[in-house]
Amino acid sequence: MRKYNQIDKITNENGDKKMENNNSTPKYLRPKELADFLGIGLSTVWLYSKQGKIQKRKISSRVTIFNVEDAEKALNLVWLDMI
């Protein structure tokens, strides 16, 4: 499992290796990773998916992923409705 702030080794055009901090937001995450990333429970991810508040994408019979940007936007709307 890839961590969000994982440091990657990158080779530049001269062949020199350097370390780069990869703190960018991931495009897709599995349900557990999305729950951790957003600070919500795993059951909440599945509930919001079932309610249609966030969209899931099945990439195989056993693997579901979520678009992080879409989930963040949808959850911002959910949280604003609660205020």
N, C-alpha and C. Protein backbone atom coordinates (compact mmCIF):
# COMPACT_ATOMS: atom_id res chain seq x y z
N MET A 1 0.85 -1.17 0.00
CA MET A 1 0.00 0.00 0.00
C MET A 1 0.89 1.24 0.00
N ARG A 2 0.58 2.17 -0.85
CA ARG A 2 1.38 3.38 -1.02
C ARG A 2 0.92 4.45 -0.04
N LYS A 3 1.85 5.03 0.67
CA LYS A 3 1.55 6.12 1.59
C LYS A 3 1.55 7.43 0.82
N TYR A 4 0.79 8.41 1.31
CA TYR A 4 0.59 9.67 0.60
C TYR A 4 1.85 10.53 0.59
N ASN A 5 2.67 10.46 1.62
CA ASN A 5 3.86 11.29 1.66
C ASN A 5 5.12 10.46 1.43
N GLN A 6 4.97 9.42 0.67
CA GLN A 6 6.09 8.52 0.39
C GLN A 6 7.16 9.26 -0.41
N ILE A 7 8.40 8.97 -0.12
CA ILE A 7 9.51 9.57 -0.85
C ILE A 7 9.95 8.60 -1.93
N ASP A 8 10.02 9.09 -3.16
CA ASP A 8 10.37 8.27 -4.30
C ASP A 8 11.78 8.60 -4.78
N LYS A 9 12.47 7.57 -5.30
CA LYS A 9 13.75 7.79 -5.95
C LYS A 9 13.48 8.07 -7.42
N ILE A 10 14.07 9.14 -7.90
CA ILE A 10 13.86 9.55 -9.28
C ILE A 10 15.22 9.69 -9.94
N THR A 11 15.31 9.27 -11.18
CA THR A 11 16.55 9.43 -11.93
C THR A 11 16.37 10.59 -12.90
N ASN A 12 17.27 11.59 -12.82
CA ASN A 12 17.18 12.71 -13.75
C ASN A 12 17.86 12.35 -15.06
N GLU A 13 17.91 13.30 -16.00
CA GLU A 13 18.44 12.99 -17.33
C GLU A 13 19.92 12.63 -17.32
N ASN A 14 20.68 13.02 -16.29
CA ASN A 14 22.10 12.67 -16.19
C ASN A 14 22.30 11.28 -15.58
N GLY A 15 21.25 10.64 -15.16
CA GLY A 15 21.36 9.34 -14.53
C GLY A 15 21.60 9.40 -13.03
N ASP A 16 21.64 10.62 -12.48
CA ASP A 16 21.82 10.78 -11.05
C ASP A 16 20.51 10.50 -10.34
N LYS A 17 20.62 9.79 -9.22
CA LYS A 17 19.41 9.52 -8.45
C LYS A 17 19.23 10.60 -7.40
N LYS A 18 18.01 11.05 -7.24
CA LYS A 18 17.70 12.02 -6.20
C LYS A 18 16.40 11.62 -5.54
N MET A 19 16.18 12.13 -4.37
CA MET A 19 14.95 11.83 -3.63
C MET A 19 13.96 12.97 -3.86
N GLU A 20 12.71 12.61 -4.04
CA GLU A 20 11.68 13.62 -4.20
C GLU A 20 10.53 13.26 -3.30
N ASN A 21 10.03 14.26 -2.58
CA ASN A 21 8.89 14.05 -1.70
C ASN A 21 7.63 14.13 -2.54
N ASN A 22 6.83 13.08 -2.51
CA ASN A 22 5.63 12.99 -3.33
C ASN A 22 4.41 13.24 -2.44
N ASN A 23 4.10 14.52 -2.17
CA ASN A 23 2.97 14.87 -1.30
C ASN A 23 1.72 15.21 -2.08
N SER A 24 1.67 14.96 -3.35
CA SER A 24 0.50 15.31 -4.14
C SER A 24 -0.68 14.40 -3.77
N THR A 25 -1.85 14.91 -3.97
CA THR A 25 -3.06 14.15 -3.69
C THR A 25 -3.21 13.05 -4.72
N PRO A 26 -3.44 11.82 -4.28
CA PRO A 26 -3.62 10.73 -5.25
C PRO A 26 -4.92 10.90 -6.03
N LYS A 27 -4.95 10.39 -7.25
CA LYS A 27 -6.14 10.51 -8.10
C LYS A 27 -7.24 9.54 -7.65
N TYR A 28 -6.88 8.29 -7.40
CA TYR A 28 -7.84 7.27 -6.98
C TYR A 28 -7.34 6.58 -5.72
N LEU A 29 -8.28 6.18 -4.85
CA LEU A 29 -7.94 5.43 -3.65
C LEU A 29 -8.94 4.32 -3.44
N ARG A 30 -8.47 3.26 -2.79
CA ARG A 30 -9.35 2.18 -2.35
C ARG A 30 -10.18 2.70 -1.18
N PRO A 31 -11.29 2.05 -0.84
CA PRO A 31 -12.18 2.56 0.21
C PRO A 31 -11.51 2.83 1.56
N LYS A 32 -10.68 1.91 2.04
CA LYS A 32 -10.01 2.11 3.33
C LYS A 32 -9.05 3.29 3.26
N GLU A 33 -8.30 3.39 2.17
CA GLU A 33 -7.37 4.50 1.99
C GLU A 33 -8.11 5.83 1.91
N LEU A 34 -9.27 5.84 1.22
CA LEU A 34 -10.07 7.06 1.12
C LEU A 34 -10.59 7.48 2.49
N ALA A 35 -11.05 6.52 3.29
CA ALA A 35 -11.53 6.83 4.63
C ALA A 35 -10.41 7.45 5.46
N ASP A 36 -9.23 6.87 5.42
CA ASP A 36 -8.09 7.42 6.16
C ASP A 36 -7.72 8.81 5.65
N PHE A 37 -7.71 8.98 4.35
CA PHE A 37 -7.33 10.25 3.73
C PHE A 37 -8.30 11.37 4.11
N LEU A 38 -9.60 11.05 4.14
CA LEU A 38 -10.62 12.06 4.44
C LEU A 38 -10.93 12.18 5.93
N GLY A 39 -10.43 11.25 6.72
CA GLY A 39 -10.70 11.29 8.16
C GLY A 39 -12.11 10.88 8.53
N ILE A 40 -12.66 9.96 7.77
CA ILE A 40 -14.00 9.44 8.05
C ILE A 40 -13.90 7.92 8.20
N GLY A 41 -14.96 7.31 8.66
CA GLY A 41 -14.96 5.86 8.83
C GLY A 41 -15.18 5.13 7.52
N LEU A 42 -14.68 3.91 7.47
CA LEU A 42 -14.87 3.08 6.29
C LEU A 42 -16.35 2.84 6.01
N SER A 43 -17.13 2.63 7.06
CA SER A 43 -18.56 2.40 6.86
C SER A 43 -19.25 3.65 6.29
N THR A 44 -18.71 4.83 6.60
CA THR A 44 -19.26 6.07 6.04
C THR A 44 -18.98 6.16 4.55
N VAL A 45 -17.81 5.70 4.12
CA VAL A 45 -17.49 5.67 2.69
C VAL A 45 -18.51 4.81 1.96
N TRP A 46 -18.77 3.62 2.49
CA TRP A 46 -19.72 2.72 1.84
C TRP A 46 -21.15 3.26 1.91
N LEU A 47 -21.52 3.90 3.02
CA LEU A 47 -22.85 4.49 3.15
C LEU A 47 -23.05 5.59 2.11
N TYR A 48 -22.09 6.51 2.01
CA TYR A 48 -22.19 7.59 1.03
C TYR A 48 -22.20 7.06 -0.39
N SER A 49 -21.49 5.97 -0.64
CA SER A 49 -21.51 5.36 -1.96
C SER A 49 -22.89 4.78 -2.26
N LYS A 50 -23.45 4.10 -1.27
CA LYS A 50 -24.78 3.50 -1.44
C LYS A 50 -25.85 4.57 -1.65
N GLN A 51 -25.68 5.71 -0.95
CA GLN A 51 -26.63 6.81 -1.07
C GLN A 51 -26.42 7.64 -2.34
N GLY A 52 -25.35 7.37 -3.07
CA GLY A 52 -25.06 8.10 -4.30
C GLY A 52 -24.35 9.42 -4.08
N LYS A 53 -23.87 9.67 -2.87
CA LYS A 53 -23.18 10.93 -2.59
C LYS A 53 -21.76 10.92 -3.15
N ILE A 54 -21.13 9.76 -3.19
CA ILE A 54 -19.84 9.61 -3.86
C ILE A 54 -19.94 8.43 -4.81
N GLN A 55 -19.24 8.54 -5.92
CA GLN A 55 -19.32 7.52 -6.96
C GLN A 55 -18.16 6.55 -6.85
N LYS A 56 -18.47 5.26 -6.91
CA LYS A 56 -17.42 4.24 -6.90
C LYS A 56 -17.16 3.79 -8.32
N ARG A 57 -16.01 3.18 -8.50
CA ARG A 57 -15.64 2.63 -9.80
C ARG A 57 -15.07 1.24 -9.57
N LYS A 58 -15.73 0.24 -10.12
CA LYS A 58 -15.27 -1.16 -10.02
C LYS A 58 -14.24 -1.40 -11.12
N ILE A 59 -13.02 -1.77 -10.71
CA ILE A 59 -12.01 -2.06 -11.72
C ILE A 59 -11.80 -3.56 -11.89
N SER A 60 -12.38 -4.34 -10.98
CA SER A 60 -12.45 -5.80 -11.12
C SER A 60 -13.55 -6.27 -10.19
N SER A 61 -13.78 -7.56 -10.17
CA SER A 61 -14.86 -8.08 -9.33
C SER A 61 -14.59 -7.88 -7.84
N ARG A 62 -13.32 -7.71 -7.47
CA ARG A 62 -12.98 -7.58 -6.04
C ARG A 62 -12.34 -6.25 -5.68
N VAL A 63 -12.19 -5.33 -6.65
CA VAL A 63 -11.50 -4.07 -6.39
C VAL A 63 -12.39 -2.90 -6.76
N THR A 64 -12.62 -2.02 -5.78
CA THR A 64 -13.38 -0.79 -5.97
C THR A 64 -12.48 0.38 -5.64
N ILE A 65 -12.54 1.42 -6.47
CA ILE A 65 -11.77 2.63 -6.21
C ILE A 65 -12.69 3.84 -6.26
N PHE A 66 -12.23 4.93 -5.67
CA PHE A 66 -12.97 6.18 -5.66
C PHE A 66 -12.07 7.29 -6.16
N ASN A 67 -12.62 8.21 -6.94
CA ASN A 67 -11.90 9.39 -7.38
C ASN A 67 -11.83 10.35 -6.19
N VAL A 68 -10.63 10.67 -5.74
CA VAL A 68 -10.45 11.46 -4.52
C VAL A 68 -11.02 12.87 -4.68
N GLU A 69 -10.76 13.51 -5.80
CA GLU A 69 -11.24 14.87 -6.01
C GLU A 69 -12.77 14.93 -6.00
N ASP A 70 -13.40 13.98 -6.68
CA ASP A 70 -14.87 13.94 -6.69
C ASP A 70 -15.43 13.67 -5.29
N ALA A 71 -14.78 12.79 -4.54
CA ALA A 71 -15.23 12.48 -3.18
C ALA A 71 -15.10 13.70 -2.27
N GLU A 72 -13.99 14.43 -2.40
CA GLU A 72 -13.80 15.64 -1.58
C GLU A 72 -14.87 16.67 -1.89
N LYS A 73 -15.17 16.88 -3.17
CA LYS A 73 -16.20 17.84 -3.56
C LYS A 73 -17.57 17.42 -3.02
N ALA A 74 -17.88 16.14 -3.18
CA ALA A 74 -19.18 15.63 -2.72
C ALA A 74 -19.31 15.74 -1.21
N LEU A 75 -18.25 15.43 -0.48
CA LEU A 75 -18.32 15.48 0.97
C LEU A 75 -18.38 16.92 1.48
N ASN A 76 -17.77 17.86 0.76
CA ASN A 76 -17.91 19.26 1.14
C ASN A 76 -19.37 19.69 1.04
N LEU A 77 -20.08 19.21 0.02
CA LEU A 77 -21.51 19.53 -0.12
C LEU A 77 -22.31 18.85 0.99
N VAL A 78 -21.97 17.62 1.33
CA VAL A 78 -22.67 16.92 2.41
C VAL A 78 -22.49 17.66 3.73
N TRP A 79 -21.25 18.07 4.02
CA TRP A 79 -20.97 18.74 5.29
C TRP A 79 -21.61 20.13 5.33
N LEU A 80 -21.70 20.81 4.17
CA LEU A 80 -22.36 22.12 4.15
C LEU A 80 -23.86 21.98 4.39
N ASP A 81 -24.45 20.88 3.93
CA ASP A 81 -25.88 20.64 4.16
C ASP A 81 -26.17 20.40 5.63
N MET A 82 -25.16 19.95 6.39
CA MET A 82 -25.38 19.66 7.81
C MET A 82 -25.37 20.93 8.66
N ILE A 83 -24.82 21.99 8.10
CA ILE A 83 -24.70 23.24 8.88
C ILE A 83 -26.02 23.97 8.93
